[in-house]
Protein backbone atom coordinates (compact mmCIF):
# COMPACT_ATOMS: atom_id res chain seq x y z
CA MET A 1 -41.64 24.64 9.87
CA PRO A 2 -37.86 25.02 9.84
CA ALA A 3 -36.39 28.45 10.16
CA GLU A 4 -35.00 30.12 7.08
CA GLY A 5 -31.41 29.56 8.21
CA GLU A 6 -32.04 25.85 8.72
CA ALA A 7 -33.45 25.52 5.21
CA ILE A 8 -30.38 27.17 3.74
CA GLU A 9 -28.12 24.84 5.76
CA VAL A 10 -29.97 21.74 4.58
CA SER A 11 -29.79 23.00 1.02
CA GLY A 12 -26.04 23.47 1.38
CA VAL A 13 -25.60 19.93 2.70
CA HIS A 14 -27.70 18.64 -0.19
CA ASP A 15 -25.44 20.39 -2.71
CA VAL A 16 -22.33 18.94 -1.07
CA VAL A 17 -23.77 15.42 -1.15
CA VAL A 18 -24.79 15.74 -4.80
CA GLU A 19 -21.37 17.15 -5.71
CA THR A 20 -19.56 14.36 -3.86
CA VAL A 21 -21.62 11.61 -5.50
CA ALA A 22 -21.13 13.21 -8.94
CA ILE A 23 -17.35 13.37 -8.49
CA ALA A 24 -17.14 9.79 -7.24
CA LEU A 25 -19.30 8.52 -10.10
CA ALA A 26 -17.29 10.45 -12.68
CA ALA A 27 -13.99 9.25 -11.21
CA ALA A 28 -15.09 5.60 -11.16
CA THR A 29 -16.38 5.84 -14.73
CA VAL A 30 -13.19 7.41 -16.11
CA SER A 31 -11.02 4.94 -14.22
CA GLY A 32 -13.03 1.99 -15.53
CA VAL A 33 -12.85 3.22 -19.13
CA ALA A 34 -9.10 3.85 -18.79
CA ARG A 35 -8.47 0.32 -17.54
CA ARG A 36 -10.42 -1.19 -20.42
CA ALA A 37 -8.49 1.00 -22.87
CA GLY A 38 -5.12 0.05 -21.37
CA VAL A 39 -4.33 3.64 -20.30
CA PRO A 40 -2.92 4.24 -16.78
CA ALA A 41 -5.94 5.30 -14.74
CA PRO A 42 -4.20 8.09 -12.75
CA ILE A 43 -3.14 9.86 -15.94
CA ALA A 44 -6.57 9.53 -17.54
CA LEU A 45 -8.23 10.89 -14.39
CA VAL A 46 -5.92 13.90 -14.16
CA LEU A 47 -6.41 14.75 -17.83
CA ALA A 48 -10.18 14.30 -17.48
CA GLY A 49 -10.16 16.67 -14.52
CA VAL A 50 -8.18 19.25 -16.50
CA ALA A 51 -10.60 18.96 -19.42
CA ALA A 52 -13.66 19.28 -17.17
CA SER A 53 -12.19 22.34 -15.49
CA LEU A 54 -11.32 23.98 -18.81
CA VAL A 55 -14.84 23.69 -20.19
CA GLY A 56 -16.35 24.91 -16.93
CA VAL A 57 -18.32 21.76 -16.18
CA LEU A 58 -17.41 21.54 -12.54
CA THR A 59 -15.43 24.71 -11.83
CA GLY A 60 -15.95 28.43 -11.91
CA ALA A 61 -14.09 31.07 -13.86
CA THR A 62 -11.34 31.80 -11.34
CA GLU A 63 -11.45 29.40 -8.42
CA PRO A 64 -12.50 25.76 -8.53
CA GLN A 65 -15.95 25.10 -7.09
CA VAL A 66 -14.69 21.57 -6.40
CA GLY A 67 -11.67 22.55 -4.35
CA LEU A 68 -8.99 20.20 -3.04
CA ASP A 69 -9.03 20.88 0.69
CA PRO A 70 -5.56 19.95 2.04
CA ASP A 71 -7.07 18.89 5.35
CA LEU A 72 -9.40 16.56 3.46
CA VAL A 73 -6.44 14.92 1.71
CA LEU A 74 -4.19 14.66 4.75
CA LEU A 75 -6.90 13.50 7.16
CA VAL A 76 -9.35 11.58 4.96
CA PHE A 77 -7.54 10.29 1.86
CA LEU A 78 -3.94 9.79 2.97
CA PRO A 79 -4.35 7.55 6.09
CA PRO A 80 -6.49 4.80 4.49
CA LEU A 81 -4.42 4.75 1.30
CA LEU A 82 -1.17 4.45 3.28
CA TYR A 83 -2.67 1.85 5.59
CA SER A 84 -3.96 -0.27 2.72
CA ALA A 85 -0.61 -0.09 0.93
CA ALA A 86 1.17 -1.11 4.14
CA LEU A 87 -1.19 -4.06 4.62
CA GLU A 88 -0.36 -5.31 1.12
CA SER A 89 3.37 -4.71 1.50
CA SER A 90 5.84 -7.37 2.50
CA TYR A 91 7.52 -6.65 5.82
CA VAL A 92 10.07 -9.37 5.03
CA ASN A 93 10.97 -7.83 1.65
CA ILE A 94 11.02 -4.29 3.02
CA ARG A 95 13.38 -5.37 5.80
CA ARG A 96 15.56 -7.10 3.22
CA ASN A 97 15.72 -3.94 1.08
CA ILE A 98 15.68 -1.37 3.88
CA ARG A 99 18.94 0.31 2.81
CA PRO A 100 17.81 1.38 -0.70
CA ILE A 101 14.34 2.21 0.63
CA LEU A 102 15.75 4.59 3.23
CA GLN A 103 18.16 6.07 0.68
CA LEU A 104 15.16 7.01 -1.47
CA SER A 105 12.54 7.84 1.14
CA VAL A 106 14.86 9.98 3.31
CA GLY A 107 18.06 10.81 1.45
CA LEU A 108 16.54 11.43 -1.98
CA VAL A 109 13.68 13.52 -0.56
CA ILE A 110 16.11 15.82 1.24
CA PHE A 111 18.43 15.99 -1.78
CA THR A 112 15.55 16.78 -4.17
CA ALA A 113 14.19 19.45 -1.83
CA LEU A 114 17.57 21.19 -1.69
CA VAL A 115 18.20 21.00 -5.46
CA VAL A 116 14.72 22.30 -6.31
CA ALA A 117 15.05 25.08 -3.73
CA CYS A 118 18.31 26.30 -5.25
CA THR A 119 16.84 26.11 -8.77
CA ALA A 120 13.69 28.05 -7.84
CA HIS A 121 15.68 30.68 -5.97
CA TYR A 122 18.19 31.42 -8.69
CA LEU A 123 15.89 30.87 -11.67
CA ALA A 124 12.59 32.43 -10.58
CA GLY A 125 13.80 34.62 -7.72
CA LEU A 126 11.78 32.85 -5.04
CA PRO A 127 12.86 33.77 -1.50
CA TRP A 128 14.86 31.02 0.16
CA SER A 129 12.05 30.18 2.59
CA ALA A 130 9.46 29.81 -0.20
CA ALA A 131 11.96 27.93 -2.39
CA PHE A 132 12.65 25.41 0.37
CA VAL A 133 8.89 24.94 0.89
CA LEU A 134 8.55 24.24 -2.85
CA GLY A 135 11.37 21.70 -2.67
CA ALA A 136 9.73 19.88 0.22
CA VAL A 137 6.37 19.89 -1.58
CA VAL A 138 7.57 18.32 -4.85
CA ALA A 139 10.19 15.99 -3.36
CA PRO A 140 8.08 12.87 -2.53
CA PRO A 141 7.03 10.65 -5.47
CA ASP A 142 3.70 8.88 -5.38
CA ALA A 143 4.35 5.28 -6.38
CA VAL A 144 0.68 4.28 -6.76
CA ALA A 145 0.69 4.84 -10.50
CA ALA A 146 4.25 3.53 -10.98
CA THR A 147 3.61 0.25 -9.14
CA ALA A 148 0.30 -0.23 -10.94
CA VAL A 149 2.05 0.10 -14.30
CA GLY A 150 4.97 -2.00 -13.09
CA ARG A 151 2.78 -4.94 -12.11
CA THR A 152 1.03 -4.81 -15.47
CA VAL A 153 4.24 -5.02 -17.49
CA GLY A 154 6.12 -7.35 -15.15
CA MET A 155 8.45 -5.10 -13.16
CA PRO A 156 10.82 -7.14 -10.94
CA ARG A 157 9.56 -7.73 -7.41
CA ARG A 158 12.62 -6.10 -5.84
CA VAL A 159 11.96 -2.89 -7.78
CA LEU A 160 8.29 -2.97 -6.81
CA THR A 161 9.26 -3.52 -3.17
CA ILE A 162 11.65 -0.57 -3.20
CA LEU A 163 9.07 1.68 -4.88
CA GLY A 164 6.37 0.61 -2.46
CA GLY A 165 8.60 1.08 0.58
CA GLU A 166 9.71 4.47 -0.71
CA SER A 167 6.13 5.68 -1.16
CA LEU A 168 5.19 4.47 2.33
CA LEU A 169 7.95 6.45 4.06
CA ASN A 170 8.80 9.44 1.87
CA ASP A 171 5.59 11.32 2.70
CA ALA A 172 6.68 11.45 6.34
CA THR A 173 10.04 12.96 5.36
CA ALA A 174 8.53 15.47 2.95
CA LEU A 175 5.72 16.62 5.25
CA THR A 176 8.22 17.09 8.07
CA LEU A 177 10.46 19.16 5.80
CA PHE A 178 7.40 21.13 4.68
CA ARG A 179 6.52 22.05 8.26
CA LEU A 180 10.11 22.95 9.01
CA GLY A 181 10.15 25.19 5.94
CA LEU A 182 7.02 27.01 7.07
CA LEU A 183 8.45 27.50 10.55
CA ALA A 184 11.71 28.77 9.09
CA ALA A 185 9.77 31.16 6.85
CA ALA A 186 8.05 32.53 9.94
CA GLY A 187 11.45 33.00 11.57
CA GLY A 188 10.74 30.67 14.45
CA LEU A 189 13.15 27.80 13.89
CA SER A 190 16.90 27.29 13.85
CA VAL A 191 18.81 24.52 12.08
CA ALA A 192 19.47 22.63 15.34
CA GLU A 193 15.85 22.90 16.37
CA GLY A 194 14.78 21.70 12.94
CA ILE A 195 16.94 18.56 13.16
CA ARG A 196 15.70 17.83 16.66
CA THR A 197 12.07 18.34 15.64
CA THR A 198 12.50 16.05 12.64
CA LEU A 199 14.01 13.21 14.67
CA LEU A 200 11.44 13.50 17.44
CA SER A 201 8.59 13.52 14.93
CA ALA A 202 9.85 10.40 13.16
CA LEU A 203 10.66 8.49 16.34
CA GLY A 204 7.37 9.50 17.93
CA GLY A 205 5.32 8.36 14.95
CA ALA A 206 7.12 5.01 14.70
CA LEU A 207 6.82 4.46 18.45
CA ILE A 208 3.08 5.16 18.44
CA GLY A 209 2.64 2.66 15.60
CA LEU A 210 4.71 0.04 17.42
CA VAL A 211 2.75 0.49 20.65
CA LEU A 212 -0.65 0.43 18.96
CA ALA A 213 0.03 -2.51 16.62
CA PRO A 214 0.22 -5.47 19.06
CA VAL A 215 -2.63 -4.10 21.19
CA VAL A 216 -4.86 -3.69 18.14
CA HIS A 217 -3.87 -7.12 16.85
CA GLN A 218 -4.87 -8.81 20.11
CA LEU A 219 -8.20 -7.00 20.03
CA ARG A 220 -8.83 -8.04 16.43
CA ILE A 221 -8.18 -11.75 16.89
CA ARG A 222 -10.54 -11.79 19.87
CA MET A 223 -13.45 -10.31 17.93
CA THR A 224 -15.94 -12.87 16.65
CA GLU A 225 -17.94 -10.76 14.19
CA PRO A 226 -16.22 -10.14 10.80
CA ILE A 227 -18.31 -7.03 10.14
CA LEU A 228 -17.42 -5.56 13.53
CA GLU A 229 -13.73 -6.35 13.08
CA ASN A 230 -13.54 -4.81 9.62
CA ALA A 231 -15.47 -1.75 10.75
CA PHE A 232 -12.90 -1.43 13.52
CA ALA A 233 -10.09 -1.86 10.95
CA LEU A 234 -11.49 0.93 8.77
CA LEU A 235 -11.17 3.37 11.67
CA LEU A 236 -7.64 2.32 12.63
CA PRO A 237 -5.63 4.44 10.14
CA PHE A 238 -7.56 7.59 11.06
CA ALA A 239 -7.13 6.95 14.78
CA ALA A 240 -3.39 6.30 14.47
CA TYR A 241 -2.85 9.36 12.27
CA VAL A 242 -4.82 11.75 14.49
CA LEU A 243 -3.22 10.41 17.67
CA ALA A 244 0.30 10.86 16.32
CA GLU A 245 -0.36 14.32 14.91
CA ALA A 246 -1.93 15.40 18.21
CA VAL A 247 1.41 14.89 19.95
CA ASN A 248 3.43 16.51 17.11
CA SER A 249 4.64 13.19 15.74
CA SER A 250 4.51 11.75 12.24
CA GLY A 251 1.02 10.43 11.56
CA VAL A 252 2.29 8.90 8.32
CA LEU A 253 4.86 6.72 10.11
CA ALA A 254 2.33 5.71 12.76
CA VAL A 255 -0.09 4.49 10.08
CA VAL A 256 2.63 2.74 8.06
CA VAL A 257 4.09 0.87 11.05
CA LEU A 258 0.62 -0.17 12.19
CA GLY A 259 -0.30 -1.41 8.70
CA LEU A 260 2.96 -3.33 8.20
CA TYR A 261 2.55 -5.13 11.54
CA LEU A 262 -1.09 -6.04 11.02
CA GLY A 263 -0.46 -7.10 7.42
CA HIS A 264 2.41 -9.36 8.52
CA HIS A 265 0.13 -11.04 11.09
CA GLU A 266 -2.98 -11.10 8.90
CA ALA A 267 -3.03 -14.92 8.74
CA GLU A 268 -3.84 -15.04 12.46
CA THR A 269 -7.28 -13.49 11.91
CA SER A 270 -10.32 -15.50 10.81
CA PHE A 271 -10.91 -16.48 7.20
CA ALA A 272 -14.19 -14.52 7.07
CA VAL A 273 -12.43 -11.34 8.19
CA ARG A 274 -9.72 -11.74 5.55
CA LEU A 275 -12.13 -12.39 2.68
CA GLN A 276 -14.30 -9.44 3.63
CA ALA A 277 -11.33 -7.13 4.26
CA ARG A 278 -9.79 -7.82 0.84
CA ALA A 279 -12.98 -6.83 -0.94
CA VAL A 280 -13.52 -3.76 1.23
CA TRP A 281 -10.00 -2.37 0.91
CA ARG A 282 -9.80 -2.99 -2.85
CA MET A 283 -13.05 -1.12 -3.37
CA LEU A 284 -11.97 1.70 -1.07
CA ASP A 285 -8.55 2.03 -2.73
CA PHE A 286 -10.11 2.14 -6.17
CA LEU A 287 -12.61 4.83 -5.18
CA LEU A 288 -10.23 7.02 -3.17
CA GLU A 289 -7.42 6.91 -5.74
CA SER A 290 -9.84 7.67 -8.57
CA VAL A 291 -11.38 10.65 -6.77
CA VAL A 292 -8.00 12.03 -5.71
CA PHE A 293 -6.50 12.05 -9.21
CA LEU A 294 -9.65 13.56 -10.69
CA LEU A 295 -9.51 16.32 -8.07
CA ILE A 296 -5.88 17.00 -8.98
CA GLY A 297 -6.89 17.63 -12.58
CA LEU A 298 -9.70 19.96 -11.53
CA GLN A 299 -7.24 22.23 -9.72
CA VAL A 300 -4.86 22.74 -12.64
CA PRO A 301 -6.56 25.45 -14.80
CA PRO A 302 -7.49 27.80 -11.90
CA ILE A 303 -3.95 27.66 -10.52
CA VAL A 304 -2.45 28.32 -13.96
CA ARG A 305 -4.83 31.27 -14.50
CA SER A 306 -3.75 32.77 -11.17
CA ALA A 307 -0.09 32.52 -12.19
CA LEU A 308 -0.76 34.10 -15.59
CA ARG A 309 -1.98 37.24 -13.86
CA LEU A 310 1.50 37.76 -12.38
CA TRP A 311 3.90 36.32 -14.98
CA GLY A 312 4.00 35.97 -18.74
CA PRO A 313 3.18 32.63 -20.41
CA TRP A 314 6.69 32.08 -21.79
CA GLU A 315 8.25 32.89 -18.44
CA LEU A 316 5.96 30.42 -16.67
CA ALA A 317 6.59 27.79 -19.32
CA LEU A 318 10.35 28.14 -18.80
CA TYR A 319 10.05 27.92 -15.01
CA GLY A 320 7.82 24.86 -15.19
CA ALA A 321 9.95 23.02 -17.75
CA VAL A 322 13.21 23.65 -15.86
CA VAL A 323 11.80 22.51 -12.50
CA ILE A 324 10.35 19.33 -14.08
CA VAL A 325 13.75 18.51 -15.64
CA VAL A 326 15.53 19.21 -12.35
CA VAL A 327 13.15 16.95 -10.39
CA ILE A 328 13.61 14.09 -12.87
CA ALA A 329 17.39 14.58 -13.14
CA ALA A 330 17.87 14.82 -9.35
CA ARG A 331 16.42 11.33 -8.95
CA TYR A 332 19.01 9.85 -11.32
CA VAL A 333 21.84 11.92 -9.86
CA TRP A 334 21.01 10.41 -6.47
CA ILE A 335 20.10 6.83 -7.43
CA TYR A 336 23.15 5.77 -9.43
CA PRO A 337 25.87 6.86 -6.95
CA THR A 338 23.96 5.53 -3.92
CA THR A 339 23.41 2.22 -5.74
CA TYR A 340 26.94 1.58 -6.99
CA LEU A 341 29.24 3.50 -4.63
CA PRO A 342 28.59 1.14 -1.67
CA ARG A 343 29.19 -1.84 -3.99
CA TRP A 344 32.40 -0.30 -5.24
CA ILE A 345 33.57 0.09 -1.64
CA SER A 346 32.30 -3.26 -0.31
CA ARG A 347 33.28 -6.40 -2.20
CA ARG A 348 30.88 -8.48 -0.10
CA LEU A 349 27.93 -6.27 -1.04
CA ARG A 350 29.03 -6.33 -4.66
CA GLU A 351 29.09 -10.14 -4.74
CA ASP A 352 26.05 -10.86 -2.55
CA ASN A 353 23.72 -8.27 -4.06
CA PRO A 354 24.69 -7.40 -7.65
CA VAL A 355 22.51 -4.86 -9.46
CA ALA A 356 22.30 -4.45 -13.23
CA TRP A 357 22.25 -0.87 -14.51
CA GLN A 358 18.72 -1.34 -15.88
CA GLU A 359 17.23 -1.63 -12.38
CA PRO A 360 18.20 1.88 -11.16
CA ALA A 361 17.23 3.18 -14.61
CA VAL A 362 13.66 1.95 -14.09
CA LEU A 363 13.65 3.18 -10.49
CA GLY A 364 14.73 6.61 -11.70
CA TRP A 365 11.95 6.76 -14.26
CA SER A 366 9.27 5.89 -11.68
CA GLY A 367 9.24 9.22 -9.83
CA MET A 368 5.65 10.31 -10.45
CA ARG A 369 4.30 12.98 -8.11
CA GLY A 370 0.76 12.90 -6.78
CA VAL A 371 -1.83 14.24 -4.43
CA VAL A 372 0.37 14.74 -1.36
CA SER A 373 2.46 17.30 -3.21
CA LEU A 374 -0.57 19.30 -4.33
CA ALA A 375 -2.28 19.05 -0.94
CA ALA A 376 0.83 20.35 0.81
CA ALA A 377 1.09 23.25 -1.65
CA LEU A 378 -2.56 24.17 -1.10
CA ALA A 379 -1.95 24.04 2.66
CA ILE A 380 0.65 26.84 2.50
CA PRO A 381 -0.69 29.57 4.80
CA GLN A 382 -1.39 33.11 3.68
CA THR A 383 1.57 34.31 5.78
CA LEU A 384 3.77 33.44 2.80
CA PRO A 385 3.88 36.37 0.33
CA ALA A 386 1.04 36.10 -2.20
CA GLU A 387 3.31 36.04 -5.28
CA SER A 388 5.52 33.34 -3.76
CA ARG A 389 2.51 31.22 -2.82
CA VAL A 390 1.04 31.44 -6.34
CA LEU A 391 4.37 30.49 -7.94
CA VAL A 392 4.86 27.54 -5.57
CA LEU A 393 1.36 26.30 -6.43
CA TYR A 394 1.98 26.70 -10.15
CA LEU A 395 5.34 24.91 -10.10
CA THR A 396 3.86 22.10 -7.99
CA VAL A 397 1.09 21.61 -10.56
CA CYS A 398 3.71 21.54 -13.33
CA VAL A 399 5.73 18.85 -11.54
CA VAL A 400 2.69 16.72 -10.68
CA LEU A 401 1.17 16.92 -14.14
CA GLY A 402 4.49 16.68 -15.96
CA THR A 403 5.80 13.62 -14.12
CA LEU A 404 2.44 11.82 -14.31
CA VAL A 405 2.17 12.31 -18.05
CA ILE A 406 5.84 11.88 -18.98
CA HIS A 407 6.57 8.88 -16.76
CA GLY A 408 3.09 7.38 -16.96
CA PHE A 409 2.94 7.11 -20.73
CA THR A 410 6.57 6.07 -21.21
CA LEU A 411 7.28 3.79 -18.22
CA PRO A 412 5.87 0.62 -19.86
CA TRP A 413 7.98 1.31 -22.96
CA VAL A 414 11.10 1.93 -20.82
CA ILE A 415 10.60 -1.34 -18.94
CA ARG A 416 10.17 -3.33 -22.14
CA ARG A 417 12.99 -1.51 -23.92
CA LEU A 418 15.45 -2.20 -21.11
CA GLY A 419 14.35 -5.82 -20.89
CA VAL A 420 13.57 -5.56 -17.19
CA GLY A 421 11.15 -8.44 -16.75
CA ALA A 422 9.96 -10.00 -13.55
CA GLY A 423 10.98 -13.59 -14.42
CA GLU A 424 9.74 -14.66 -10.99
CA GLU A 425 6.48 -16.42 -11.79
CA SER A 426 8.00 -19.83 -12.46
CA GLY A 427 10.17 -19.52 -9.36
CA ASP A 428 7.10 -18.65 -7.29
CA VAL A 429 5.21 -21.66 -8.63
CA LEU A 430 8.15 -23.97 -7.93
CA ALA A 431 8.54 -22.64 -4.38
CA GLU A 432 4.79 -22.86 -3.84
CA ALA A 433 4.75 -26.46 -5.08
CA GLN A 434 7.52 -27.45 -2.68
CA VAL A 435 5.89 -25.72 0.28
CA GLN A 436 2.43 -26.97 -0.70
CA HIS A 437 3.72 -30.53 -0.53
CA ALA A 438 5.00 -29.90 3.01
CA ALA A 439 1.71 -28.19 3.92
CA ALA A 440 -0.34 -31.10 2.61
CA ARG A 441 1.84 -33.50 4.58
CA ALA A 442 1.21 -31.41 7.71
CA ALA A 443 -2.52 -31.52 6.96
CA VAL A 444 -2.44 -35.33 6.68
CA ASP A 445 -0.43 -35.55 9.91
CA ARG A 446 -3.09 -33.44 11.58
CA LEU A 447 -5.80 -35.70 10.16
CA ASP A 448 -4.05 -38.83 11.45
CA THR A 449 -3.80 -37.28 14.91
CA LEU A 450 -7.50 -36.42 14.91
CA LEU A 451 -8.44 -39.90 13.68
CA ALA A 452 -6.35 -41.46 16.44
CA GLU A 453 -8.19 -39.33 18.99
CA GLU A 454 -11.69 -39.89 17.63
CA GLY A 455 -11.57 -43.51 16.52
CA GLU A 456 -14.24 -44.42 13.97
CA ILE A 457 -15.62 -41.85 11.55
CA PRO A 458 -18.29 -42.30 8.86
CA ASP A 459 -17.27 -44.34 5.82
CA GLY A 460 -15.79 -42.40 2.92
CA VAL A 461 -14.92 -39.27 4.92
CA GLU A 462 -11.26 -40.19 5.44
CA ASP A 463 -10.75 -41.03 1.76
CA ARG A 464 -12.28 -37.70 0.68
CA LEU A 465 -10.06 -35.78 3.11
CA ARG A 466 -6.91 -37.50 1.91
CA ALA A 467 -7.91 -36.95 -1.72
CA ASN A 468 -8.35 -33.24 -1.05
CA ALA A 469 -4.87 -33.05 0.49
CA GLU A 470 -3.36 -34.88 -2.50
CA HIS A 471 -5.13 -32.57 -4.93
CA ARG A 472 -3.73 -29.46 -3.24
CA ALA A 473 -0.26 -31.01 -3.09
CA ASN A 474 -0.28 -31.78 -6.82
CA SER A 475 -1.99 -28.65 -8.15
CA ALA A 476 1.10 -26.43 -7.96
CA TRP A 477 3.25 -29.10 -9.65
CA GLU A 478 0.67 -29.35 -12.42
CA ARG A 479 1.01 -25.61 -13.07
CA LEU A 480 4.69 -26.28 -13.76
CA GLY A 481 3.70 -28.82 -16.40
CA GLY A 482 4.18 -32.01 -14.42
CA GLY A 483 1.69 -34.43 -13.03
CA GLY A 484 2.79 -34.18 -9.42
CA ALA A 485 4.53 -36.74 -7.29
CA GLY A 486 1.45 -37.75 -5.33
CA MET A 487 0.86 -37.20 -1.69
CA PRO A 488 2.24 -39.97 0.53
CA ARG A 489 -0.06 -41.10 3.28
CA VAL A 490 1.73 -40.35 6.49
CA ARG A 491 0.03 -41.83 9.50
CA ALA A 492 0.88 -40.77 12.99
CA ASP A 493 1.32 -43.21 15.83
CA PRO A 494 -2.17 -43.89 17.28
CA LEU A 495 -0.76 -43.21 20.75
CA GLU A 496 0.36 -39.70 19.76
CA GLY A 497 -1.83 -36.67 20.22
CA GLY A 498 -3.53 -37.85 23.42
CA SER A 499 -3.61 -35.50 26.40
CA ALA A 500 -4.52 -38.02 29.13
CA SER A 501 -3.78 -41.59 30.13
CA GLY A 502 -5.51 -44.50 31.81
CA VAL A 503 -9.07 -43.95 32.96
CA GLU A 504 -9.04 -40.25 31.98
CA ALA A 505 -7.96 -41.08 28.40
CA ALA A 506 -10.68 -43.70 28.09
CA ALA A 507 -13.31 -41.29 29.38
CA GLU A 508 -12.15 -38.54 27.03
CA ALA A 509 -12.17 -40.91 24.04
CA ALA A 510 -15.66 -42.10 24.95
CA HIS A 511 -16.88 -38.49 25.16
CA ARG A 512 -15.40 -37.66 21.75
CA ALA A 513 -16.88 -40.80 20.21
CA ASP A 514 -20.29 -39.87 21.58
CA ALA A 515 -19.96 -36.33 20.15
CA VAL A 516 -18.88 -37.69 16.77
CA SER A 517 -21.83 -40.05 16.69
CA GLN A 518 -24.11 -37.02 16.90
CA GLU A 519 -22.66 -35.56 13.66
CA THR A 520 -23.60 -36.31 10.09
CA PRO A 521 -20.85 -37.43 7.67
CA ALA A 522 -20.89 -33.96 6.05
CA GLN A 523 -20.40 -32.27 9.44
CA VAL A 524 -17.51 -34.58 10.30
CA PHE A 525 -15.89 -33.86 6.93
CA ARG A 526 -16.19 -30.09 7.35
CA ARG A 527 -14.85 -30.11 10.90
CA LEU A 528 -11.81 -32.25 10.07
CA ARG A 529 -11.10 -30.40 6.82
CA ARG A 530 -11.03 -27.07 8.66
CA GLU A 531 -8.44 -28.50 11.04
CA MET A 532 -6.36 -29.59 8.04
CA LEU A 533 -6.63 -26.13 6.46
CA ASP A 534 -5.35 -24.58 9.68
CA ALA A 535 -2.34 -26.90 9.56
CA GLU A 536 -1.63 -25.86 5.93
CA ARG A 537 -1.85 -22.17 6.78
CA SER A 538 0.65 -22.58 9.60
CA VAL A 539 3.16 -24.21 7.26
CA PHE A 540 2.87 -21.44 4.68
CA VAL A 541 3.28 -18.72 7.30
CA ASP A 542 6.35 -20.47 8.72
CA MET A 543 7.85 -20.78 5.25
CA ARG A 544 7.20 -17.09 4.57
CA ASP A 545 8.95 -16.17 7.79
CA ALA A 546 11.87 -18.41 6.81
CA GLY A 547 12.15 -16.74 3.40
CA ARG A 548 11.13 -19.82 1.40
CA ILE A 549 8.17 -18.07 -0.25
CA ASP A 550 7.22 -14.46 -0.87
CA ASP A 551 4.35 -12.61 0.78
CA GLU A 552 2.63 -12.42 -2.59
CA VAL A 553 2.59 -16.21 -2.81
CA LEU A 554 1.43 -16.47 0.80
CA ARG A 555 -1.51 -14.13 0.20
CA ARG A 556 -2.58 -16.03 -2.91
CA VAL A 557 -2.50 -19.39 -1.14
CA ILE A 558 -4.16 -18.05 2.01
CA ASN A 559 -6.94 -16.64 -0.18
CA GLU A 560 -7.45 -20.07 -1.79
CA LEU A 561 -7.61 -21.73 1.63
CA ASP A 562 -10.01 -19.06 2.88
CA LEU A 563 -12.34 -19.60 -0.07
CA GLU A 564 -12.36 -23.34 0.57
CA GLU A 565 -13.09 -22.80 4.26
CA ALA A 566 -15.89 -20.40 3.36
CA MET A 567 -17.47 -23.18 1.29
CA LEU A 568 -17.18 -25.55 4.25
CA THR A 569 -19.15 -23.21 6.52
CA ARG A 570 -22.24 -23.30 4.31
CA ASP A 571 -25.06 -25.23 5.92
């Protein structure tokens, strides 16, 4: 018989498990309904959480029973979401747009923090230390919702790249400022020490990511079990984050650098790993994002009730409205000068990289705040005066809820109204068709080399292999509306591809012929086709690195090749 204390502990664990499953199920249901209804899922989830909290379904009268533990967000939710976003990002595009990304993820975060701090100090009377903490908390936008809406309505790829790069890096800037603000509030940090701490934290996090990335990559490509490799990959973001934070470095930057590196080299892993990883990470992203936004909504009413005990409703409404306007306006005040001033100074930049006014307008209207802001606010220690802490929490909730609702519901209309369309699909298909032709030629060259090495193969196998290559070469052209130019049969010199000469070459050829004779025609076809698929992948990766195609095109094609290879492995 268990002791009484043990029974109570088991009962507590049971309640936590039931609560967790209920929240996840509710979040997935609301998110699914929102997608079918065409409503941005993050907004629907936040509003559903607010409604549930108001009617007392999941929360108590004063404090939420389903609390948003800041450690849970920063240690459990944030690393995998950042890592997954980094995997899906384009290192090539981020490097190409690194200047505007850094202007937003570093410069804009600092500028917003300072503007909000001044507003909160002079408007609401917050002490400077608490006001600066508030500024750091609400400064970083969460681009998950903005990019999701942008892809749906056809936001240009450059804008999506800048938003994605901003969201990957701005959390590191904001969390560093947040810690500096807390240290300054405690009276233990000077300006010089703050700058030094910030630089060391950023450099340390990036260095840890750079050191881990190639080591992890070599380990991954040497694993032979897809399940083992993906289980290992699921633990990577947590390990990188904890390791960096343990040495007072930026865990966010460590995770982002690791994810960007591994995502850039993803084609070097096995097809089974890639297919499994895509499904796993999409499911995990969907579940984590849904739960996080629902939890945000659940926190809103209790925080507002706490603020109403100390301030009047009209006073709080004024504070919240002004801070929301300041946060939105600060983004525009920063974006337009930093976009056009360098082009006004540099004629080369103005001619090589022109930017229409609609692009920064859309970027400015994509500044939705999310879970990192609320988690940071909840993590404010009790050492901050109670009234200041309550007001910081309230204003953070106002900014998160206000920007999600205002931007989320109006961003599609703004994009359509400004006529900012992607217009890149036809260009992608044309580039893919051109590269696919080169890839199919490489596949046929590889086939000719293998045929020269092996000699005779079963009847019909060669024709089927060449027909497959022609079909892939023509499929992209057909999407453009043409019939395709046909795949020329390029045969290599029969003497090429050999690795020996004389007696050794004859012996090696005889050994290969004997091995081939042991195979059925289907086995020969599968083996040779896999070699051809490897040749095609190499061409697409090379063209991505050369800037001929985008990472988005590469991932789509690699996925098609992986699915074909998966079919070939069936016995």
